[in-house]
Amino acid sequence: MRKLIAAINMTLDGFCDHTAITPDEEIHQHYADLLANADVILYGRTTYQLMQFWQTLVKKPSGEKSMDDFAMVMDKTPKIVFSHTLKNTEWDSAKLADQPVEETVKELKQQSGGDILVGSRSLIIQLLKLNLIDEFQLCIHPVVAGGGLPLFENINDKAIFKLIKTKTFSGGAVTLYYELSGQ
């Protein structure tokens, strides 16, 4: 069975805000490697529209190798977008989900292949509530945002995870890898 990995960037105070952090070359390479080993990434509309930024770098590279390399991997990685408002994705490697997130994920997990990534806060919350997340990869950046959208919002049921490893980046960010505990 395929593994569903919730991978997201966060601030020290627990907020998911891409504008509050500044990823460096090492972070871009980390996520490029993660995407390269996955078969699909799931996004909600808001995060998906933020990620469309990378399309522009595929068409017009920035000259910064780590960003351009990440853009190439992001462009190639299949994406499923969950949205009630988008009519099309405007990205060849993306498609709109044609069924609810729970059904989609259960089907994907039964298929053979690489990991399934989820990179949207709203989907992570939904999938945690449905007990479908196998692993968290929380990249904590050394920034206090002071406000924003917390990752673990409106979670009513306890879920216990076990720390399986950590990865420290030279810029001070740390990725914590957690898998669902057998308890």
Protein backbone atom coordinates (compact mmCIF):
# COMPACT_ATOMS: atom_id res chain seq x y z
CA MET A 1 0.00 0.00 0.00
CA ARG A 2 1.27 3.49 -0.88
CA LYS A 3 2.13 5.95 1.85
CA LEU A 4 0.40 9.33 2.25
CA ILE A 5 2.91 11.94 3.41
CA ALA A 6 1.78 15.33 4.69
CA ALA A 7 4.72 17.64 3.93
CA ILE A 8 4.47 21.30 4.81
CA ASN A 9 6.54 24.32 5.84
CA MET A 10 5.72 25.96 9.16
CA THR A 11 6.95 28.76 11.35
CA LEU A 12 8.21 28.20 14.91
CA ASP A 13 4.86 29.39 16.23
CA GLY A 14 2.99 26.78 14.19
CA PHE A 15 1.66 28.78 11.28
CA CYS A 16 1.59 27.73 7.63
CA ASP A 17 2.54 30.85 5.72
CA HIS A 18 4.77 30.66 2.65
CA THR A 19 5.27 34.43 2.77
CA ALA A 20 6.78 34.27 6.28
CA ILE A 21 9.67 31.98 5.33
CA THR A 22 12.55 32.27 2.90
CA PRO A 23 13.56 28.87 1.53
CA ASP A 24 17.21 28.58 0.56
CA GLU A 25 18.95 26.30 -1.96
CA GLU A 26 19.06 23.43 0.51
CA ILE A 27 15.31 23.62 1.21
CA HIS A 28 14.52 23.79 -2.51
CA GLN A 29 16.69 20.71 -3.12
CA HIS A 30 15.04 18.86 -0.23
CA TYR A 31 11.58 19.43 -1.68
CA ALA A 32 12.74 18.69 -5.24
CA ASP A 33 13.99 15.31 -3.99
CA LEU A 34 10.74 14.67 -2.13
CA LEU A 35 8.69 15.45 -5.25
CA ALA A 36 10.95 13.35 -7.47
CA ASN A 37 10.22 10.30 -5.30
CA ALA A 38 6.45 10.83 -5.28
CA ASP A 39 3.90 9.82 -7.87
CA VAL A 40 1.38 12.55 -7.11
CA ILE A 41 0.80 15.58 -4.90
CA LEU A 42 -2.59 16.70 -3.64
CA TYR A 43 -3.47 20.37 -3.28
CA GLY A 44 -6.41 22.47 -2.27
CA ARG A 45 -7.21 25.45 -4.48
CA THR A 46 -5.41 28.12 -2.47
CA THR A 47 -2.09 26.29 -2.19
CA TYR A 48 -2.34 25.09 -5.76
CA GLN A 49 -2.70 28.65 -7.00
CA LEU A 50 0.38 29.64 -4.96
CA MET A 51 2.31 26.73 -6.48
CA GLN A 52 1.47 27.91 -10.00
CA PHE A 53 4.29 30.42 -9.46
CA TRP A 54 6.67 27.59 -10.40
CA GLN A 55 5.13 27.38 -13.87
CA THR A 56 6.54 30.81 -14.64
CA LEU A 57 10.07 29.65 -13.79
CA VAL A 58 9.76 26.69 -16.16
CA LYS A 59 8.88 29.07 -18.98
CA LYS A 60 11.29 31.80 -17.87
CA PRO A 61 14.06 30.46 -15.58
CA SER A 62 15.32 32.74 -12.82
CA GLY A 63 18.97 31.77 -13.18
CA GLU A 64 19.02 30.50 -9.59
CA LYS A 65 19.75 26.78 -10.03
CA SER A 66 17.92 25.49 -6.95
CA MET A 67 14.73 27.37 -7.80
CA ASP A 68 14.86 26.47 -11.48
CA ASP A 69 15.53 22.79 -10.67
CA PHE A 70 12.64 22.75 -8.20
CA ALA A 71 10.39 24.35 -10.81
CA MET A 72 11.25 21.59 -13.30
CA VAL A 73 10.43 18.82 -10.82
CA MET A 74 7.25 20.60 -9.70
CA ASP A 75 6.19 20.98 -13.32
CA LYS A 76 6.60 17.24 -13.99
CA THR A 77 4.96 15.96 -10.80
CA PRO A 78 1.31 14.96 -11.30
CA LYS A 79 -1.05 17.05 -9.21
CA ILE A 80 -4.65 16.52 -8.12
CA VAL A 81 -6.45 19.70 -7.12
CA PHE A 82 -9.50 19.76 -4.87
CA SER A 83 -11.62 22.81 -5.60
CA HIS A 84 -15.27 23.75 -5.86
CA THR A 85 -14.50 26.91 -7.83
CA LEU A 86 -11.74 26.14 -10.34
CA LYS A 87 -13.00 25.14 -13.78
CA ASN A 88 -9.57 24.03 -15.08
CA THR A 89 -6.03 23.83 -13.75
CA GLU A 90 -4.16 25.57 -16.57
CA TRP A 91 -1.24 23.21 -15.94
CA ASP A 92 -0.64 20.08 -18.01
CA SER A 93 0.52 18.02 -15.03
CA ALA A 94 -2.51 18.93 -12.89
CA LYS A 95 -6.09 17.78 -12.92
CA LEU A 96 -9.15 18.62 -10.90
CA ALA A 97 -10.31 15.91 -8.50
CA ASP A 98 -13.42 14.15 -9.74
CA GLN A 99 -14.41 12.68 -6.38
CA PRO A 100 -14.15 13.65 -2.68
CA VAL A 101 -10.73 13.67 -1.01
CA GLU A 102 -11.42 10.59 1.12
CA GLU A 103 -12.38 8.44 -1.87
CA THR A 104 -9.50 9.76 -3.98
CA VAL A 105 -6.90 9.05 -1.30
CA LYS A 106 -8.24 5.58 -0.51
CA GLU A 107 -8.09 4.70 -4.22
CA LEU A 108 -4.58 6.12 -4.62
CA LYS A 109 -3.30 4.25 -1.56
CA GLN A 110 -4.50 0.95 -3.02
CA GLN A 111 -2.59 1.48 -6.27
CA SER A 112 1.02 0.49 -6.73
CA GLY A 113 3.64 3.19 -7.08
CA GLY A 114 5.46 5.86 -5.16
CA ASP A 115 4.41 8.08 -2.31
CA ILE A 116 1.37 10.34 -2.32
CA LEU A 117 2.15 13.82 -1.02
CA VAL A 118 -0.27 16.35 0.38
CA GLY A 119 0.95 19.91 0.68
CA SER A 120 -2.14 21.94 1.57
CA ARG A 121 -3.08 22.84 5.10
CA SER A 122 -6.80 22.37 4.50
CA LEU A 123 -6.32 18.90 3.01
CA ILE A 124 -3.91 17.88 5.79
CA ILE A 125 -6.58 18.78 8.37
CA GLN A 126 -9.24 16.81 6.48
CA LEU A 127 -7.00 13.79 5.99
CA LEU A 128 -5.85 13.80 9.63
CA LYS A 129 -9.49 13.76 10.72
CA LEU A 130 -10.07 10.81 8.36
CA ASN A 131 -7.01 9.00 9.80
CA LEU A 132 -5.44 8.68 6.34
CA ILE A 133 -2.04 10.32 6.95
CA ASP A 134 0.81 7.84 7.31
CA GLU A 135 3.64 10.31 7.84
CA PHE A 136 4.16 13.97 8.62
CA GLN A 137 7.19 15.86 7.36
CA LEU A 138 6.99 19.19 9.15
CA CYS A 139 9.68 21.63 8.07
CA ILE A 140 9.93 24.15 10.91
CA HIS A 141 11.59 27.41 9.92
CA PRO A 142 13.34 29.67 12.46
CA VAL A 143 10.72 32.41 12.10
CA VAL A 144 7.96 33.59 14.42
CA ALA A 145 5.14 34.87 12.20
CA GLY A 146 2.99 36.19 15.04
CA GLY A 147 -0.21 35.06 13.32
CA GLY A 148 -1.65 33.23 10.39
CA LEU A 149 -3.24 29.88 9.74
CA PRO A 150 -2.30 27.19 12.28
CA LEU A 151 -1.73 23.73 10.86
CA PHE A 152 -3.61 21.85 13.56
CA GLU A 153 -6.89 23.74 13.71
CA ASN A 154 -10.26 22.24 14.63
CA ILE A 155 -8.79 18.83 15.40
CA ASN A 156 -11.00 17.11 17.97
CA ASP A 157 -9.57 13.59 18.08
CA LYS A 158 -6.20 12.66 19.46
CA ALA A 159 -3.69 11.15 17.02
CA ILE A 160 -0.36 9.87 18.32
CA PHE A 161 2.69 10.01 16.09
CA LYS A 162 6.19 8.69 16.63
CA LEU A 163 9.29 10.69 15.68
CA ILE A 164 11.23 8.59 13.19
CA LYS A 165 13.97 11.03 12.18
CA THR A 166 14.97 14.65 11.83
CA LYS A 167 16.83 16.61 9.19
CA THR A 168 18.58 19.86 10.05
CA PHE A 169 19.30 22.45 7.39
CA SER A 170 22.21 24.89 7.49
CA GLY A 171 19.82 27.87 7.48
CA GLY A 172 18.26 26.73 10.76
CA ALA A 173 15.15 24.93 9.51
CA VAL A 174 14.47 21.42 10.81
CA THR A 175 12.24 18.77 9.26
CA LEU A 176 10.59 16.48 11.76
CA TYR A 177 9.48 13.13 10.37
CA TYR A 178 6.60 11.50 12.24
CA GLU A 179 4.72 8.30 11.47
CA LEU A 180 1.42 7.24 12.94
CA SER A 181 2.02 5.37 16.17
CA GLY A 182 0.61 1.87 16.52
CA GLN A 183 -1.32 2.92 19.64
